[in-house]
Amino acid sequence: MCGIMGMILKQEDREAEELNMLRARFTNLLVATEIRGRDAAGAFVVNKPRQGVSPIRFTKAQGSASSLVRNPKFHALMNTIGTDTIGAIGHTRMATQGCPTCNANNHPIIMKNQIVGVHNGMLVNDEEIREEFPFDQEVDSAAIFAALSGNSGEKALTAKVIAETLPIIEGDMAIAVADTRNSNRLFVARDNGRPLFLLED
């Protein structure tokens, strides 16, 4: 049992007050989601590409979301939310496989400094996937992002690649994923075993 939450923003100019309100809402929602897991927490922010700046920034740590949001690294991440932000995704983890003391097992999972994603669910064929798409993490979630990375190859992740990759994953899942090679997109997907709710405000 883990939790995923987030927000997708339309491109528009925003005053500092509105940006502060969005940061506060994201932070509060992440803390509210910790009921789904307190072993680790993390978040990533997707911005439009700018020269010399990584379009996707993240932070993650062992412990609850309540602890993470007091960390200066989390505050620095929230300060990257601006008028160029596409979205922000948070994750709270209840560890089932892969010790949370090894931060590579915590979410977001990073593949080749390109694919950045979070997962809720449990996989049953992650070791089979590891044989075709090797990954270093112990956590089963890494199999999803390794397969997405392998199937996207040298090109940025697309909805087509996701649709072609997810059927090889056995287990249940809801995911949110982005790619540094095209940060104008943020993808969410699920199978029949996990819910996914989208609210337009």
Protein backbone atom coordinates (compact mmCIF):
# COMPACT_ATOMS: atom_id res chain seq x y z
CA MET A 1 0.00 0.00 0.00
CA CYS A 2 1.54 3.29 -1.13
CA GLY A 3 0.05 6.63 -2.08
CA ILE A 4 0.42 8.82 -5.14
CA MET A 5 -0.86 12.36 -5.39
CA GLY A 6 -0.13 15.36 -7.52
CA MET A 7 -1.22 18.33 -9.54
CA ILE A 8 -1.01 19.27 -13.19
CA LEU A 9 -0.84 22.97 -13.96
CA LYS A 10 -1.89 24.87 -17.03
CA GLN A 11 0.71 27.22 -18.42
CA GLU A 12 -0.12 30.73 -17.24
CA ASP A 13 1.46 33.62 -15.41
CA ARG A 14 0.97 33.37 -11.68
CA GLU A 15 1.64 35.88 -8.95
CA ALA A 16 3.87 34.90 -6.03
CA GLU A 17 0.82 34.58 -3.76
CA GLU A 18 -0.80 32.00 -6.04
CA LEU A 19 2.44 30.03 -6.38
CA ASN A 20 2.79 29.96 -2.59
CA MET A 21 -0.80 28.70 -2.33
CA LEU A 22 -0.08 25.90 -4.85
CA ARG A 23 3.07 24.89 -2.93
CA ALA A 24 1.12 24.82 0.33
CA ARG A 25 -1.69 22.73 -1.21
CA PHE A 26 0.78 20.25 -2.64
CA THR A 27 2.57 19.97 0.71
CA ASN A 28 -0.70 19.48 2.63
CA LEU A 29 -1.90 16.85 0.18
CA LEU A 30 1.38 14.95 0.41
CA VAL A 31 1.11 14.89 4.21
CA ALA A 32 -2.52 13.79 4.00
CA THR A 33 -1.44 10.92 1.72
CA GLU A 34 1.02 9.54 4.29
CA ILE A 35 -1.82 7.41 5.66
CA ARG A 36 -0.95 5.17 2.68
CA GLY A 37 2.63 4.66 3.86
CA ARG A 38 5.14 6.14 6.27
CA ASP A 39 8.31 4.22 5.41
CA ALA A 40 9.49 6.82 2.87
CA ALA A 41 8.23 9.84 0.95
CA GLY A 42 9.29 11.76 -2.11
CA ALA A 43 8.20 14.19 -4.79
CA PHE A 44 9.21 15.46 -8.21
CA VAL A 45 8.44 18.65 -10.12
CA VAL A 46 8.29 18.81 -13.92
CA ASN A 47 9.08 22.15 -15.56
CA LYS A 48 9.35 23.25 -19.16
CA PRO A 49 12.95 22.89 -20.32
CA ARG A 50 15.31 25.83 -19.78
CA GLN A 51 18.92 26.14 -20.84
CA GLY A 52 21.29 24.64 -18.28
CA VAL A 53 18.56 23.61 -15.79
CA SER A 54 17.25 20.09 -15.31
CA PRO A 55 13.53 20.11 -16.18
CA ILE A 56 12.71 17.50 -13.53
CA ARG A 57 13.81 17.97 -9.95
CA PHE A 58 13.12 15.54 -7.11
CA THR A 59 13.71 14.75 -3.47
CA LYS A 60 13.03 11.62 -1.43
CA ALA A 61 13.93 10.23 1.97
CA GLN A 62 13.21 7.46 4.41
CA GLY A 63 10.46 8.38 6.87
CA SER A 64 7.04 9.95 6.72
CA ALA A 65 5.84 12.75 4.50
CA SER A 66 5.42 14.83 7.66
CA SER A 67 9.19 14.55 8.16
CA LEU A 68 10.03 15.16 4.51
CA VAL A 69 8.12 18.43 4.28
CA ARG A 70 10.28 19.85 7.10
CA ASN A 71 13.45 19.06 5.15
CA PRO A 72 15.20 22.03 3.46
CA LYS A 73 15.56 19.90 0.30
CA PHE A 74 11.78 19.66 0.09
CA HIS A 75 11.46 23.45 0.49
CA ALA A 76 14.02 23.90 -2.29
CA LEU A 77 11.99 21.55 -4.48
CA MET A 78 8.78 23.47 -3.80
CA ASN A 79 10.54 26.68 -4.80
CA THR A 80 11.01 25.21 -8.30
CA ILE A 81 7.22 25.36 -8.78
CA GLY A 82 6.67 28.42 -10.95
CA THR A 83 4.93 29.66 -14.07
CA ASP A 84 6.81 27.07 -16.19
CA THR A 85 5.68 24.11 -14.08
CA ILE A 86 3.85 21.31 -15.89
CA GLY A 87 3.09 19.37 -12.71
CA ALA A 88 4.25 17.99 -9.39
CA ILE A 89 3.86 14.41 -8.15
CA GLY A 90 4.26 13.07 -4.61
CA HIS A 91 4.59 9.55 -3.23
CA THR A 92 4.30 7.99 0.20
CA ARG A 93 5.70 4.50 0.59
CA MET A 94 4.79 1.47 2.62
CA ALA A 95 7.77 -0.77 1.89
CA THR A 96 6.97 -4.28 0.72
CA GLN A 97 10.19 -5.06 -1.14
CA GLY A 98 13.48 -3.19 -0.95
CA CYS A 99 14.56 -1.61 2.31
CA PRO A 100 13.68 2.11 2.65
CA THR A 101 17.06 2.81 4.28
CA CYS A 102 18.50 2.53 0.76
CA ASN A 103 17.15 5.69 -0.84
CA ALA A 104 17.42 4.21 -4.35
CA ASN A 105 14.45 2.00 -3.40
CA ASN A 106 12.31 4.99 -2.49
CA HIS A 107 10.18 6.97 -4.93
CA PRO A 108 10.53 8.64 -7.29
CA ILE A 109 12.50 5.95 -9.08
CA ILE A 110 15.09 7.35 -11.50
CA MET A 111 16.26 5.46 -14.60
CA LYS A 112 19.33 6.64 -16.53
CA ASN A 113 18.72 10.21 -15.30
CA GLN A 114 15.85 10.35 -17.81
CA ILE A 115 12.78 8.43 -16.65
CA VAL A 116 11.36 9.62 -13.31
CA GLY A 117 8.34 7.87 -11.85
CA VAL A 118 6.32 6.64 -8.89
CA HIS A 119 4.31 3.44 -8.47
CA ASN A 120 1.57 2.15 -6.21
CA GLY A 121 1.04 -1.61 -6.20
CA MET A 122 2.96 -4.88 -6.19
CA LEU A 123 4.55 -6.70 -9.10
CA VAL A 124 5.03 -10.46 -9.40
CA ASN A 125 7.37 -10.65 -12.40
CA ASP A 126 9.94 -7.99 -11.56
CA GLU A 127 12.82 -10.49 -11.57
CA GLU A 128 11.85 -11.67 -15.07
CA ILE A 129 11.76 -8.06 -16.24
CA ARG A 130 15.16 -7.46 -14.61
CA GLU A 131 16.65 -10.08 -16.93
CA GLU A 132 15.56 -8.16 -20.04
CA PHE A 133 15.78 -4.63 -18.63
CA PRO A 134 18.46 -4.61 -15.88
CA PHE A 135 18.09 -2.26 -12.92
CA ASP A 136 20.01 -1.79 -9.67
CA GLN A 137 17.22 -1.16 -7.16
CA GLU A 138 15.79 -3.89 -4.93
CA VAL A 139 12.24 -2.54 -5.12
CA ASP A 140 9.85 -4.20 -7.60
CA SER A 141 8.62 -0.79 -8.83
CA ALA A 142 11.93 -0.24 -10.59
CA ALA A 143 11.00 -2.95 -13.10
CA ILE A 144 8.27 -0.72 -14.56
CA PHE A 145 10.56 2.23 -15.13
CA ALA A 146 13.44 0.06 -16.39
CA ALA A 147 11.09 -1.47 -18.98
CA LEU A 148 9.78 1.97 -19.98
CA SER A 149 13.35 3.25 -20.28
CA GLY A 150 14.44 0.23 -22.31
CA ASN A 151 11.47 0.38 -24.66
CA SER A 152 11.78 4.12 -25.23
CA GLY A 153 15.44 3.71 -26.19
CA GLU A 154 17.05 6.96 -27.34
CA LYS A 155 13.69 8.72 -27.79
CA ALA A 156 11.56 10.45 -25.19
CA LEU A 157 8.80 8.45 -23.52
CA THR A 158 5.43 8.47 -25.31
CA ALA A 159 1.93 7.23 -24.54
CA LYS A 160 2.46 4.57 -27.22
CA VAL A 161 5.57 3.20 -25.49
CA ILE A 162 3.71 3.13 -22.17
CA ALA A 163 0.73 1.31 -23.74
CA GLU A 164 3.05 -1.24 -25.33
CA THR A 165 5.11 -1.76 -22.16
CA LEU A 166 2.53 -2.05 -19.38
CA PRO A 167 1.02 -5.36 -20.61
CA ILE A 168 4.31 -7.14 -19.82
CA ILE A 169 4.01 -6.02 -16.18
CA GLU A 170 2.29 -8.62 -13.97
CA GLY A 171 0.79 -7.46 -10.71
CA ASP A 172 -1.14 -4.32 -10.01
CA MET A 173 -0.19 -0.72 -10.50
CA ALA A 174 -0.93 2.94 -10.76
CA ILE A 175 1.97 5.07 -11.99
CA ALA A 176 2.93 8.66 -12.70
CA VAL A 177 5.98 9.14 -14.90
CA ALA A 178 7.88 11.85 -16.79
CA ASP A 179 10.95 11.99 -19.03
CA THR A 180 13.67 14.65 -18.89
CA ARG A 181 14.02 14.41 -22.69
CA ASN A 182 10.53 15.88 -23.13
CA SER A 183 9.35 17.56 -19.96
CA ASN A 184 6.26 19.02 -21.66
CA ARG A 185 4.46 15.81 -20.74
CA LEU A 186 3.53 14.01 -17.54
CA PHE A 187 1.87 10.58 -17.83
CA VAL A 188 -0.44 8.72 -15.45
CA ALA A 189 -1.65 5.16 -15.99
CA ARG A 190 -3.20 2.30 -14.10
CA ASP A 191 -4.38 -1.25 -14.49
CA ASN A 192 -7.65 -2.69 -13.22
CA GLY A 193 -6.21 -3.43 -9.79
CA ARG A 194 -5.58 0.17 -8.70
CA PRO A 195 -7.78 3.26 -8.72
CA LEU A 196 -6.80 6.54 -10.36
CA PHE A 197 -8.81 9.69 -9.78
CA LEU A 198 -8.42 12.92 -11.73
CA LEU A 199 -10.11 16.13 -10.56
CA GLU A 200 -10.29 19.20 -12.77
CA ASP A 201 -10.59 22.42 -10.81
